[in-house]
N, C-alpha and C. Protein backbone atom coordinates (compact mmCIF):
# COMPACT_ATOMS: atom_id res chain seq x y z
N MET A 1 74.04 67.39 138.25
CA MET A 1 75.12 67.38 139.02
C MET A 1 76.29 68.23 138.40
N LEU A 2 77.03 69.05 139.59
CA LEU A 2 78.35 69.75 139.15
C LEU A 2 78.20 70.68 137.93
N LYS A 3 76.97 71.34 137.68
CA LYS A 3 76.52 72.01 136.58
C LYS A 3 77.32 73.09 136.33
N LYS A 4 77.95 73.64 137.71
CA LYS A 4 78.64 74.96 137.41
C LYS A 4 80.20 74.86 137.46
N MET A 5 80.39 73.37 137.49
CA MET A 5 81.82 72.82 136.91
C MET A 5 82.18 73.41 135.67
N HIS A 6 81.39 73.94 134.79
CA HIS A 6 82.05 74.03 133.25
C HIS A 6 83.29 75.24 133.26
N LYS A 7 83.11 76.23 134.20
CA LYS A 7 83.97 77.11 134.30
C LYS A 7 85.60 76.86 134.49
N TYR A 8 85.44 75.63 134.55
CA TYR A 8 86.81 74.98 134.85
C TYR A 8 87.60 74.33 133.48
N LYS A 9 86.71 74.77 132.49
CA LYS A 9 86.91 74.08 131.02
C LYS A 9 88.73 74.90 130.80
N SER A 10 88.60 75.90 131.18
CA SER A 10 90.54 76.85 131.09
C SER A 10 91.43 75.94 131.35
N PHE A 11 91.15 74.81 131.99
CA PHE A 11 92.25 73.86 132.48
C PHE A 11 92.46 72.99 131.45
N ALA A 12 91.80 72.98 130.32
CA ALA A 12 91.99 71.73 129.24
C ALA A 12 93.63 71.53 129.05
N GLY A 13 93.99 70.76 129.09
CA GLY A 13 95.41 70.16 128.83
C GLY A 13 96.30 70.80 129.75
N MET A 14 95.87 71.38 131.00
CA MET A 14 96.61 72.00 131.95
C MET A 14 96.80 71.33 133.38
N HIS A 15 97.65 71.56 133.99
CA HIS A 15 98.04 71.26 135.73
C HIS A 15 96.66 71.67 136.00
N ILE A 16 95.66 71.03 136.59
CA ILE A 16 94.49 71.21 137.44
C ILE A 16 94.72 71.55 138.83
N PRO A 17 94.26 72.89 139.27
CA PRO A 17 94.52 73.24 140.51
C PRO A 17 93.80 72.32 141.57
N ASP A 18 94.40 72.27 142.80
CA ASP A 18 93.81 71.60 144.16
C ASP A 18 92.29 71.84 143.99
N HIS A 19 91.95 73.05 144.01
CA HIS A 19 90.49 73.52 144.74
C HIS A 19 89.54 73.19 143.43
N VAL A 20 89.85 72.76 142.43
CA VAL A 20 89.09 72.27 141.54
C VAL A 20 88.37 71.02 142.19
N PHE A 21 89.41 69.95 142.37
CA PHE A 21 88.87 69.01 143.09
C PHE A 21 88.00 69.10 144.53
N GLU A 22 88.54 69.99 145.31
CA GLU A 22 88.14 70.35 146.34
C GLU A 22 86.65 70.78 146.26
N ASN A 23 86.41 71.82 145.39
CA ASN A 23 85.22 72.22 144.59
C ASN A 23 83.72 71.21 144.66
N ILE A 24 84.49 69.89 143.93
CA ILE A 24 83.71 68.90 143.48
C ILE A 24 83.12 68.31 144.77
N TYR A 25 83.90 67.99 145.80
CA TYR A 25 82.95 67.33 147.04
C TYR A 25 82.44 68.41 147.91
N ALA A 26 82.57 69.63 147.57
CA ALA A 26 82.17 70.57 148.19
C ALA A 26 80.50 70.49 148.04
N THR A 27 80.06 70.03 146.78
CA THR A 27 78.99 70.04 145.97
C THR A 27 78.04 68.89 146.63
N SER A 28 78.65 67.74 146.74
CA SER A 28 78.08 66.44 147.05
C SER A 28 79.34 65.35 147.95
N SER A 29 78.72 64.64 148.44
CA SER A 29 79.48 63.52 149.52
C SER A 29 79.90 62.51 148.58
N ASP A 30 79.31 62.25 147.46
CA ASP A 30 79.57 61.09 146.45
C ASP A 30 79.20 61.74 145.00
N PRO A 31 80.05 62.32 144.45
CA PRO A 31 79.99 63.06 143.35
C PRO A 31 80.31 62.29 142.29
N TYR A 32 80.78 61.16 142.12
CA TYR A 32 80.86 60.24 140.95
C TYR A 32 79.98 58.64 141.21
N GLY A 33 79.16 58.81 142.22
CA GLY A 33 78.15 57.92 142.39
C GLY A 33 78.94 56.40 142.57
N TYR A 34 80.04 56.44 143.70
CA TYR A 34 80.46 55.07 143.98
C TYR A 34 79.82 54.21 144.74
N THR A 35 78.83 54.81 145.44
CA THR A 35 78.16 54.05 146.38
C THR A 35 76.71 53.45 145.69
N HIS A 36 76.23 54.01 144.46
CA HIS A 36 75.07 53.39 143.69
C HIS A 36 74.93 53.52 142.60
N ARG A 37 76.26 53.69 141.78
CA ARG A 37 75.99 53.57 140.38
C ARG A 37 76.17 51.95 139.87
N ASP A 38 75.55 50.96 138.99
CA ASP A 38 75.78 50.02 138.62
C ASP A 38 77.12 49.92 138.00
N TYR A 39 77.73 50.75 137.04
CA TYR A 39 78.83 51.12 136.60
C TYR A 39 80.16 50.92 137.62
N GLU A 40 79.87 51.77 138.75
CA GLU A 40 80.94 51.77 139.59
C GLU A 40 81.21 50.22 140.61
N ARG A 41 79.94 49.62 140.83
CA ARG A 41 79.49 48.24 141.19
C ARG A 41 80.73 47.25 139.95
N GLN A 42 80.06 47.15 138.81
CA GLN A 42 80.89 46.27 137.78
C GLN A 42 82.40 46.54 137.88
N LYS A 43 82.60 47.76 137.59
CA LYS A 43 83.93 47.97 137.59
C LYS A 43 84.89 47.81 138.73
N ARG A 44 84.21 47.90 140.32
CA ARG A 44 85.31 47.24 141.33
C ARG A 44 85.04 45.66 141.34
N SER A 45 84.00 45.24 140.91
CA SER A 45 84.51 43.56 140.71
C SER A 45 85.01 43.06 139.82
N SER A 46 85.16 43.81 138.54
CA SER A 46 86.14 43.42 137.29
C SER A 46 87.74 43.79 137.68
N THR A 47 87.80 44.95 138.63
CA THR A 47 89.27 45.33 139.27
C THR A 47 89.70 43.95 139.98
N LEU A 48 88.85 43.86 140.97
CA LEU A 48 89.13 42.71 142.20
C LEU A 48 89.48 41.52 141.23
N ALA A 49 88.53 40.96 140.46
CA ALA A 49 88.50 39.45 139.59
C ALA A 49 89.69 39.62 138.80
N ALA A 50 90.36 40.86 138.35
CA ALA A 50 91.20 40.88 137.57
C ALA A 50 92.69 40.64 138.27
N LEU A 51 92.77 40.82 139.18
CA LEU A 51 94.30 40.89 140.12
C LEU A 51 94.33 39.51 139.90
N SER A 52 95.92 39.32 139.87
CA SER A 52 96.29 37.61 139.73
C SER A 52 96.52 36.98 140.76
N ARG A 53 96.53 37.75 141.88
CA ARG A 53 97.06 36.95 143.44
C ARG A 53 95.67 36.97 144.12
N ASP A 54 95.89 36.08 145.36
CA ASP A 54 94.55 36.21 146.05
C ASP A 54 94.97 37.62 147.16
N ARG A 55 96.47 37.63 147.58
CA ARG A 55 97.07 38.63 148.43
C ARG A 55 98.41 39.19 147.90
N TYR A 56 98.13 40.70 148.39
CA TYR A 56 99.49 41.60 148.28
C TYR A 56 99.97 41.89 149.56
N MET A 57 101.42 42.18 149.52
CA MET A 57 102.07 42.32 150.74
C MET A 57 101.96 44.26 151.08
N ASN A 58 102.04 44.90 150.11
CA ASN A 58 102.09 46.59 150.22
C ASN A 58 101.68 46.96 148.92
N ALA A 59 100.35 47.78 149.16
CA ALA A 59 99.77 48.10 147.90
C ALA A 59 99.78 49.55 147.97
N PHE A 60 99.34 50.13 146.77
CA PHE A 60 99.20 51.57 146.65
C PHE A 60 98.01 51.87 145.82
N GLU A 61 97.16 52.61 146.42
CA GLU A 61 95.99 53.13 145.37
C GLU A 61 96.11 54.56 145.18
N ILE A 62 95.78 54.96 144.14
CA ILE A 62 95.99 56.53 143.69
C ILE A 62 94.68 57.02 143.46
N GLY A 63 94.25 58.13 143.98
CA GLY A 63 92.99 58.35 143.93
C GLY A 63 91.77 57.86 144.64
N CYS A 64 91.74 57.55 145.75
CA CYS A 64 91.09 56.83 146.64
C CYS A 64 89.62 57.32 146.61
N SER A 65 89.38 58.38 146.59
CA SER A 65 88.08 59.30 146.73
C SER A 65 87.55 58.68 148.56
N ILE A 66 86.29 58.36 148.28
CA ILE A 66 85.88 58.00 149.37
C ILE A 66 85.84 56.73 150.04
N GLY A 67 86.56 55.77 149.20
CA GLY A 67 87.16 54.82 149.96
C GLY A 67 86.54 53.54 149.91
N VAL A 68 85.40 53.41 148.47
CA VAL A 68 84.68 52.06 148.53
C VAL A 68 85.57 50.79 147.82
N LEU A 69 86.28 51.31 147.16
CA LEU A 69 87.16 50.41 146.50
C LEU A 69 88.16 50.04 147.46
N THR A 70 88.51 51.00 148.33
CA THR A 70 89.92 50.81 149.28
C THR A 70 89.29 49.77 150.22
N GLY A 71 88.28 49.67 150.63
CA GLY A 71 87.64 48.83 151.40
C GLY A 71 87.94 47.17 151.22
N LEU A 72 87.64 47.15 149.77
CA LEU A 72 87.78 45.55 149.03
C LEU A 72 89.21 45.29 149.10
N LEU A 73 89.96 46.41 148.69
CA LEU A 73 91.14 46.35 148.42
C LEU A 73 91.52 45.69 149.63
N GLY A 74 91.38 46.40 150.82
CA GLY A 74 92.17 46.08 152.24
C GLY A 74 92.25 45.01 152.67
N GLU A 75 90.89 43.97 152.08
CA GLU A 75 90.76 42.59 152.54
C GLU A 75 91.68 41.92 151.62
N ARG A 76 92.48 42.19 150.89
CA ARG A 76 93.46 41.54 150.15
C ARG A 76 94.66 41.93 150.04
N CYS A 77 95.13 42.74 151.10
CA CYS A 77 96.37 43.38 151.23
C CYS A 77 96.85 43.28 152.55
N ASP A 78 98.31 42.68 152.81
CA ASP A 78 98.73 43.06 154.19
C ASP A 78 98.87 44.57 154.64
N SER A 79 99.31 45.57 153.60
CA SER A 79 99.30 47.31 153.91
C SER A 79 98.84 47.62 152.79
N LEU A 80 97.88 48.41 152.74
CA LEU A 80 97.62 49.35 151.59
C LEU A 80 97.58 50.67 152.07
N LEU A 81 98.04 51.25 151.16
CA LEU A 81 98.12 52.83 151.39
C LEU A 81 97.27 53.75 150.22
N SER A 82 96.01 54.24 150.56
CA SER A 82 95.56 55.06 149.67
C SER A 82 95.53 56.72 150.05
N VAL A 83 95.37 57.15 148.84
CA VAL A 83 95.77 58.52 148.68
C VAL A 83 94.75 59.44 147.88
N ASP A 84 94.51 60.17 148.31
CA ASP A 84 93.32 61.55 147.24
C ASP A 84 94.13 62.73 147.41
N ILE A 85 93.62 63.66 146.80
CA ILE A 85 93.96 65.16 146.78
C ILE A 85 93.04 66.06 147.63
N VAL A 86 91.91 65.35 148.05
CA VAL A 86 90.80 65.76 148.58
C VAL A 86 90.74 65.46 149.90
N GLU A 87 90.95 66.47 150.74
CA GLU A 87 90.77 65.76 152.17
C GLU A 87 89.34 65.50 152.79
N ARG A 88 88.25 66.35 152.29
CA ARG A 88 86.83 65.96 152.35
C ARG A 88 86.45 64.40 152.09
N ALA A 89 87.16 63.84 151.03
CA ALA A 89 86.82 62.62 150.56
C ALA A 89 87.66 61.57 151.53
N LEU A 90 88.81 62.22 151.71
CA LEU A 90 89.66 61.06 152.46
C LEU A 90 88.95 60.89 153.81
N GLN A 91 88.15 61.85 154.51
CA GLN A 91 87.53 61.73 155.75
C GLN A 91 86.47 60.74 155.93
N GLN A 92 85.82 60.75 154.84
CA GLN A 92 84.68 59.61 154.38
C GLN A 92 85.40 58.41 154.52
N ALA A 93 86.71 58.25 153.48
CA ALA A 93 87.08 56.90 153.44
C ALA A 93 87.67 56.47 154.84
N ARG A 94 88.55 57.21 155.28
CA ARG A 94 88.63 56.81 156.77
C ARG A 94 87.73 56.05 157.69
N GLN A 95 86.64 56.93 157.67
CA GLN A 95 85.73 56.28 158.51
C GLN A 95 84.81 55.00 157.72
N ARG A 96 85.11 54.87 156.46
CA ARG A 96 84.31 53.79 155.77
C ARG A 96 85.31 52.53 156.08
N CYS A 97 86.79 52.77 156.34
CA CYS A 97 87.63 51.58 156.28
C CYS A 97 88.05 51.64 157.81
N ALA A 98 87.85 51.95 158.87
CA ALA A 98 87.89 52.58 160.01
C ALA A 98 88.18 51.09 160.77
N ALA A 99 87.32 49.84 160.19
CA ALA A 99 87.66 48.61 160.86
C ALA A 99 88.97 47.71 160.22
N GLU A 100 89.61 48.39 159.37
CA GLU A 100 90.49 47.69 158.72
C GLU A 100 92.06 48.61 158.79
N PRO A 101 92.47 47.89 160.23
CA PRO A 101 94.00 48.57 160.55
C PRO A 101 95.32 48.42 159.52
N ASN A 102 95.30 47.56 158.49
CA ASN A 102 96.03 47.53 157.33
C ASN A 102 96.09 48.67 156.62
N VAL A 103 94.99 49.51 156.60
CA VAL A 103 94.79 50.67 155.44
C VAL A 103 95.09 51.69 156.14
N ARG A 104 95.82 52.54 155.37
CA ARG A 104 96.51 53.92 155.80
C ARG A 104 96.07 54.90 154.50
N PHE A 105 95.72 56.04 155.06
CA PHE A 105 95.27 57.31 154.23
C PHE A 105 96.40 58.60 154.36
N ALA A 106 96.63 59.06 153.13
CA ALA A 106 97.16 60.13 153.00
C ALA A 106 96.80 61.22 152.02
N ARG A 107 96.68 62.79 152.28
CA ARG A 107 96.51 63.40 151.32
C ARG A 107 97.80 63.54 150.31
N MET A 108 97.60 63.58 149.07
CA MET A 108 98.88 63.47 148.21
C MET A 108 98.37 63.48 146.82
N ARG A 109 99.27 64.50 146.05
CA ARG A 109 99.08 64.89 144.82
C ARG A 109 100.00 63.83 143.97
N VAL A 110 99.57 63.02 143.53
CA VAL A 110 100.48 62.11 142.58
C VAL A 110 100.69 63.03 140.72
N PRO A 111 101.64 62.92 140.24
CA PRO A 111 102.95 62.46 140.70
C PRO A 111 103.92 63.43 141.64
N ASP A 112 103.18 64.46 141.49
CA ASP A 112 104.24 65.60 142.35
C ASP A 112 104.64 65.15 143.58
N GLU A 113 103.88 64.31 144.39
CA GLU A 113 104.43 63.64 145.67
C GLU A 113 103.95 62.15 145.34
N TRP A 114 104.75 61.75 146.49
CA TRP A 114 104.86 59.85 146.15
C TRP A 114 105.46 59.61 147.44
N PRO A 115 105.01 58.34 147.91
CA PRO A 115 105.42 57.95 149.29
C PRO A 115 107.07 57.42 149.12
N ASN A 116 107.58 57.22 150.12
CA ASN A 116 109.06 56.72 149.95
C ASN A 116 109.08 55.05 150.53
N GLU A 117 108.44 54.36 149.64
CA GLU A 117 108.00 52.73 149.82
C GLU A 117 107.92 52.22 148.31
N SER A 118 108.18 50.74 148.47
CA SER A 118 107.65 50.13 147.18
C SER A 118 106.48 49.07 147.50
N PHE A 119 106.12 48.82 146.18
CA PHE A 119 104.84 48.47 146.17
C PHE A 119 104.79 46.91 145.33
N ASP A 120 104.27 45.83 145.72
CA ASP A 120 103.72 44.78 144.75
C ASP A 120 102.60 45.16 143.93
N LEU A 121 101.85 45.96 144.31
CA LEU A 121 100.23 46.20 143.82
C LEU A 121 100.20 47.87 143.93
N ILE A 122 99.82 48.34 142.45
CA ILE A 122 99.93 49.93 142.41
C ILE A 122 98.50 49.78 141.45
N VAL A 123 97.39 50.72 141.95
CA VAL A 123 96.20 50.98 141.49
C VAL A 123 96.15 52.31 140.84
N ILE A 124 95.94 52.22 139.78
CA ILE A 124 95.25 53.69 139.02
C ILE A 124 94.00 53.39 138.08
N SER A 125 93.00 54.13 138.90
CA SER A 125 91.94 53.80 138.19
C SER A 125 91.08 55.37 138.37
N GLU A 126 90.68 55.54 137.06
CA GLU A 126 90.03 56.49 136.80
C GLU A 126 90.61 57.87 137.11
N VAL A 127 92.11 57.64 136.96
CA VAL A 127 92.87 58.95 137.18
C VAL A 127 93.51 59.68 136.04
N LEU A 128 94.12 58.93 135.01
CA LEU A 128 94.68 59.55 134.17
C LEU A 128 94.25 60.62 133.34
N TYR A 129 92.62 60.56 133.43
CA TYR A 129 92.09 62.17 132.61
C TYR A 129 92.61 63.47 133.08
N TYR A 130 92.88 63.25 134.45
CA TYR A 130 93.17 64.74 134.97
C TYR A 130 94.83 65.02 134.98
N LEU A 131 95.54 64.06 134.16
CA LEU A 131 97.20 64.18 133.97
C LEU A 131 97.47 65.00 132.85
N THR A 132 98.23 65.74 132.94
CA THR A 132 98.67 66.29 131.53
C THR A 132 99.92 65.29 131.30
N VAL A 133 100.34 65.79 129.78
CA VAL A 133 101.21 64.53 129.31
C VAL A 133 102.82 64.60 130.18
N SER A 134 103.14 65.92 130.59
CA SER A 134 104.38 65.74 131.38
C SER A 134 104.33 65.11 132.94
N GLU A 135 103.15 65.29 133.34
CA GLU A 135 102.68 64.32 134.69
C GLU A 135 102.49 62.93 134.61
N LEU A 136 102.08 62.81 133.33
CA LEU A 136 102.15 60.99 133.12
C LEU A 136 103.45 60.75 132.75
N GLU A 137 104.41 61.34 132.47
CA GLU A 137 105.82 60.82 132.29
C GLU A 137 106.54 60.84 133.54
N ARG A 138 106.27 61.97 134.63
CA ARG A 138 106.75 61.78 135.54
C ARG A 138 105.97 60.69 136.63
N LEU A 139 104.71 60.21 136.27
CA LEU A 139 104.24 59.12 136.87
C LEU A 139 105.08 57.88 136.44
N VAL A 140 105.17 57.70 135.10
CA VAL A 140 105.89 56.70 134.89
C VAL A 140 107.37 56.16 135.82
N GLN A 141 107.94 57.41 135.50
CA GLN A 141 109.38 57.36 136.53
C GLN A 141 108.98 57.07 137.78
N ARG A 142 107.52 57.29 138.40
CA ARG A 142 107.26 56.91 139.85
C ARG A 142 107.10 55.30 139.74
N LEU A 143 106.56 55.00 139.25
CA LEU A 143 106.17 53.52 138.97
C LEU A 143 107.36 52.93 138.90
N ARG A 144 108.17 52.95 137.86
CA ARG A 144 109.41 52.43 137.76
C ARG A 144 110.44 52.49 138.78
N SER A 145 110.45 53.54 139.65
CA SER A 145 110.90 53.42 140.86
C SER A 145 110.44 52.89 142.18
N ALA A 146 109.10 52.53 142.20
CA ALA A 146 108.31 51.88 143.49
C ALA A 146 108.15 50.61 143.15
N LEU A 147 107.62 50.24 141.87
CA LEU A 147 107.10 48.71 141.72
C LEU A 147 108.27 47.89 142.08
N ARG A 148 107.77 46.89 142.88
CA ARG A 148 108.57 45.80 143.31
C ARG A 148 108.86 44.51 142.37
N SER A 149 109.94 43.60 142.17
CA SER A 149 109.89 42.53 141.36
C SER A 149 108.71 41.93 141.70
N SER A 150 108.13 41.62 140.05
CA SER A 150 107.06 40.73 140.06
C SER A 150 105.70 42.00 140.28
N GLY A 151 106.04 42.82 140.84
CA GLY A 151 104.94 43.67 141.11
C GLY A 151 103.96 43.84 140.26
N GLU A 152 102.72 44.53 140.43
CA GLU A 152 101.56 44.56 139.43
C GLU A 152 101.05 45.87 139.28
N ILE A 153 100.25 46.54 138.40
CA ILE A 153 99.88 47.92 138.34
C ILE A 153 98.69 47.47 137.44
N ILE A 154 97.52 48.09 137.99
CA ILE A 154 96.49 47.81 137.36
C ILE A 154 95.93 49.34 136.72
N LEU A 155 95.13 49.23 135.55
CA LEU A 155 94.78 50.56 135.15
C LEU A 155 93.42 50.18 134.85
N VAL A 156 92.51 51.22 135.10
CA VAL A 156 90.87 51.18 134.57
C VAL A 156 90.51 52.31 134.40
N HIS A 157 89.94 52.64 133.42
CA HIS A 157 88.98 53.77 132.86
C HIS A 157 87.95 53.57 132.11
N SER A 158 87.37 54.69 131.95
CA SER A 158 85.89 54.57 131.16
C SER A 158 86.10 54.87 130.06
N ARG A 159 85.18 54.24 129.27
CA ARG A 159 85.16 54.29 127.89
C ARG A 159 83.90 55.05 127.44
N TRP A 160 83.29 55.54 128.12
CA TRP A 160 82.13 56.28 127.89
C TRP A 160 81.89 57.84 128.61
N THR A 161 82.16 58.70 127.80
CA THR A 161 82.22 60.14 128.64
C THR A 161 81.24 60.66 129.34
N GLY A 162 79.89 60.11 129.09
CA GLY A 162 78.71 60.41 129.66
C GLY A 162 78.98 60.05 131.32
N LEU A 163 79.82 58.99 131.65
CA LEU A 163 79.89 58.50 133.15
C LEU A 163 80.65 59.31 133.92
N LEU A 164 81.31 60.56 133.12
CA LEU A 164 82.46 61.16 133.93
C LEU A 164 81.51 62.86 134.27
N PRO A 165 81.95 63.59 135.08
CA PRO A 165 81.66 64.59 135.79
C PRO A 165 81.49 65.96 134.22
N LYS A 166 80.35 66.35 134.49
CA LYS A 166 80.19 67.17 133.16
C LYS A 166 81.25 68.20 132.63
N TRP A 167 81.60 69.02 133.78
CA TRP A 167 83.05 69.59 133.81
C TRP A 167 84.02 69.26 133.03
N LEU A 168 84.24 67.98 133.10
CA LEU A 168 85.34 67.47 132.80
C LEU A 168 85.06 66.75 130.94
N GLN A 169 83.39 66.19 130.89
CA GLN A 169 83.31 66.50 129.48
C GLN A 169 83.41 67.51 128.70
N ARG A 170 83.26 68.82 129.35
CA ARG A 170 83.34 69.77 128.38
C ARG A 170 84.65 70.30 128.56
N SER A 171 85.66 69.99 129.15
CA SER A 171 86.89 70.81 129.18
C SER A 171 87.66 70.04 128.21
N ILE A 172 87.77 68.84 128.03
CA ILE A 172 88.69 67.96 127.39
C ILE A 172 88.01 66.97 126.59
N PRO A 173 88.50 66.55 125.25
CA PRO A 173 87.94 65.19 124.33
C PRO A 173 88.20 64.10 125.43
N VAL A 174 87.18 63.93 126.61
CA VAL A 174 87.95 62.84 127.37
C VAL A 174 88.31 61.29 127.22
N LEU A 175 87.07 60.86 126.18
CA LEU A 175 87.27 59.61 125.82
C LEU A 175 88.60 59.41 125.15
N SER A 176 88.84 60.27 124.33
CA SER A 176 90.33 60.23 123.58
C SER A 176 91.20 60.45 124.32
N LYS A 177 91.14 61.34 125.26
CA LYS A 177 92.36 61.45 126.07
C LYS A 177 92.61 60.32 127.11
N ALA A 178 91.44 59.94 127.57
CA ALA A 178 91.88 58.77 128.79
C ALA A 178 92.19 57.23 128.00
N ASN A 179 91.48 57.20 126.55
CA ASN A 179 92.45 56.11 125.99
C ASN A 179 93.95 56.20 125.55
N ARG A 180 93.98 57.72 125.01
CA ARG A 180 95.43 57.93 124.65
C ARG A 180 96.62 57.91 125.75
N LEU A 181 96.39 58.30 126.87
CA LEU A 181 97.18 58.32 128.23
C LEU A 181 97.09 56.74 128.55
N HIS A 182 96.22 55.85 128.55
CA HIS A 182 96.02 54.75 129.21
C HIS A 182 97.02 53.89 128.33
N ASP A 183 96.86 54.10 126.86
CA ASP A 183 97.72 53.35 125.98
C ASP A 183 99.29 53.73 125.99
N GLN A 184 99.53 55.18 125.97
CA GLN A 184 100.81 55.82 126.29
C GLN A 184 101.23 55.31 127.79
N LEU A 185 100.79 55.42 128.81
CA LEU A 185 101.21 54.59 130.13
C LEU A 185 101.88 53.46 130.02
N ILE A 186 101.12 52.30 129.39
CA ILE A 186 101.31 50.87 129.02
C ILE A 186 102.65 51.28 127.93
N ALA A 187 102.85 51.79 126.94
CA ALA A 187 103.92 51.96 126.11
C ALA A 187 105.21 52.69 126.73
N LEU A 188 104.89 53.41 127.73
CA LEU A 188 106.19 53.88 128.44
C LEU A 188 106.56 53.29 129.51
N THR A 189 105.78 52.03 130.07
CA THR A 189 106.37 51.30 130.90
C THR A 189 106.66 50.16 130.34
N SER A 190 106.96 49.62 128.95
CA SER A 190 107.26 48.99 128.34
C SER A 190 108.53 48.03 128.50
N ASP A 191 109.38 49.12 128.94
CA ASP A 191 110.76 48.56 129.41
C ASP A 191 111.16 47.75 130.74
N PHE A 192 109.77 47.95 131.96
CA PHE A 192 109.87 47.53 132.89
C PHE A 192 108.83 46.81 133.11
N ALA A 193 107.40 46.77 132.43
CA ALA A 193 106.42 46.25 132.74
C ALA A 193 105.61 45.64 131.46
N ARG A 194 105.12 44.63 131.59
CA ARG A 194 104.02 43.75 130.32
C ARG A 194 102.77 44.00 130.81
N VAL A 195 101.72 43.48 129.48
CA VAL A 195 100.22 43.85 129.95
C VAL A 195 100.26 42.09 130.34
N ILE A 196 99.43 41.69 131.19
CA ILE A 196 99.39 40.07 131.35
C ILE A 196 97.85 39.96 131.43
N GLY A 197 97.03 41.11 131.08
CA GLY A 197 95.50 40.80 131.45
C GLY A 197 95.18 42.11 130.67
N HIS A 198 93.85 41.96 130.05
CA HIS A 198 93.35 43.03 129.23
C HIS A 198 91.99 42.64 129.19
N GLN A 199 90.92 43.88 129.61
CA GLN A 199 89.32 43.69 129.26
C GLN A 199 88.88 44.73 128.85
N GLN A 200 88.09 44.33 127.89
CA GLN A 200 87.35 45.94 127.06
C GLN A 200 86.19 45.49 127.30
N HIS A 201 85.28 46.10 128.46
CA HIS A 201 83.66 46.26 128.62
C HIS A 201 83.08 47.40 127.89
N ASN A 202 81.52 47.22 128.08
CA ASN A 202 81.06 48.19 127.20
C ASN A 202 81.82 49.80 127.70
N ASP A 203 81.65 50.02 128.99
CA ASP A 203 81.83 51.42 129.62
C ASP A 203 83.08 51.53 130.11
N PHE A 204 83.90 50.54 130.47
CA PHE A 204 85.16 50.61 130.80
C PHE A 204 86.39 49.63 130.16
N ARG A 205 87.99 50.30 130.16
CA ARG A 205 88.83 49.02 129.72
C ARG A 205 89.89 48.93 131.00
N LEU A 206 90.33 47.61 130.94
CA LEU A 206 90.94 47.24 132.25
C LEU A 206 92.22 46.75 131.43
N ASP A 207 93.62 47.23 132.16
CA ASP A 207 94.64 46.42 131.85
C ASP A 207 95.52 46.05 133.34
N LEU A 208 96.02 44.89 133.34
CA LEU A 208 97.03 44.41 134.35
C LEU A 208 98.50 44.16 133.67
N LEU A 209 99.21 44.73 134.50
CA LEU A 209 100.67 45.09 133.87
C LEU A 209 101.45 44.31 135.04
N ARG A 210 102.46 43.41 134.67
CA ARG A 210 103.63 42.85 135.74
C ARG A 210 105.08 43.47 135.48
N ARG A 211 105.72 43.56 136.68
CA ARG A 211 107.16 43.83 136.18
C ARG A 211 107.92 42.86 136.01
N ILE A 212 108.89 43.25 134.77
CA ILE A 212 109.28 42.01 134.16
C ILE A 212 110.77 42.13 134.62
N GLU A 213 111.69 40.80 134.69
CA GLU A 213 113.01 41.03 135.10
C GLU A 213 113.87 41.56 134.01
N PRO A 214 114.92 42.44 134.35
CA PRO A 214 116.00 42.71 133.32
C PRO A 214 116.59 41.85 132.64
């Protein structure tokens, strides 16, 4: 899968152009195996189980892809905005969640673009691999402004590089970068959020953060 994507190794540590992600979905309707991999099923189950509340008022999912997790999140949110950079993926997500009127979709590149809303849940799953350090810092500023009082951020990232696209494995030391940026985000948000839940699975790690009052 994605054997030709090695040509994008030149973007290591750099801002990755939109067409890189668009090409991924041009070769497969489900390039990450959301609908059939046991890893994805376990990660979704753990993500939903880790949330501290049965229901959220307004949630924001960054990098929703084809909307498999989105549909499950929508069942627990009064309103859910899910975004992705690839329109082809969003088309599938809209179809998958067509029966959930509380779920909205938008094409958006985070952190350069951000909705003019506040949220009591922000989902960041399998996203940090693709960010530069400066983009991570901008993301933290976005989170600081958008997270409501007692709002939560859930972070989920793979601990095994073999689960990620081949082009990404060859482009950067993915495992170390993912863990580094995951830890950096926790450190950079420590002035307004604290970790209230942590899970270390064989294949992925998960942290739940909650906004703290000044």
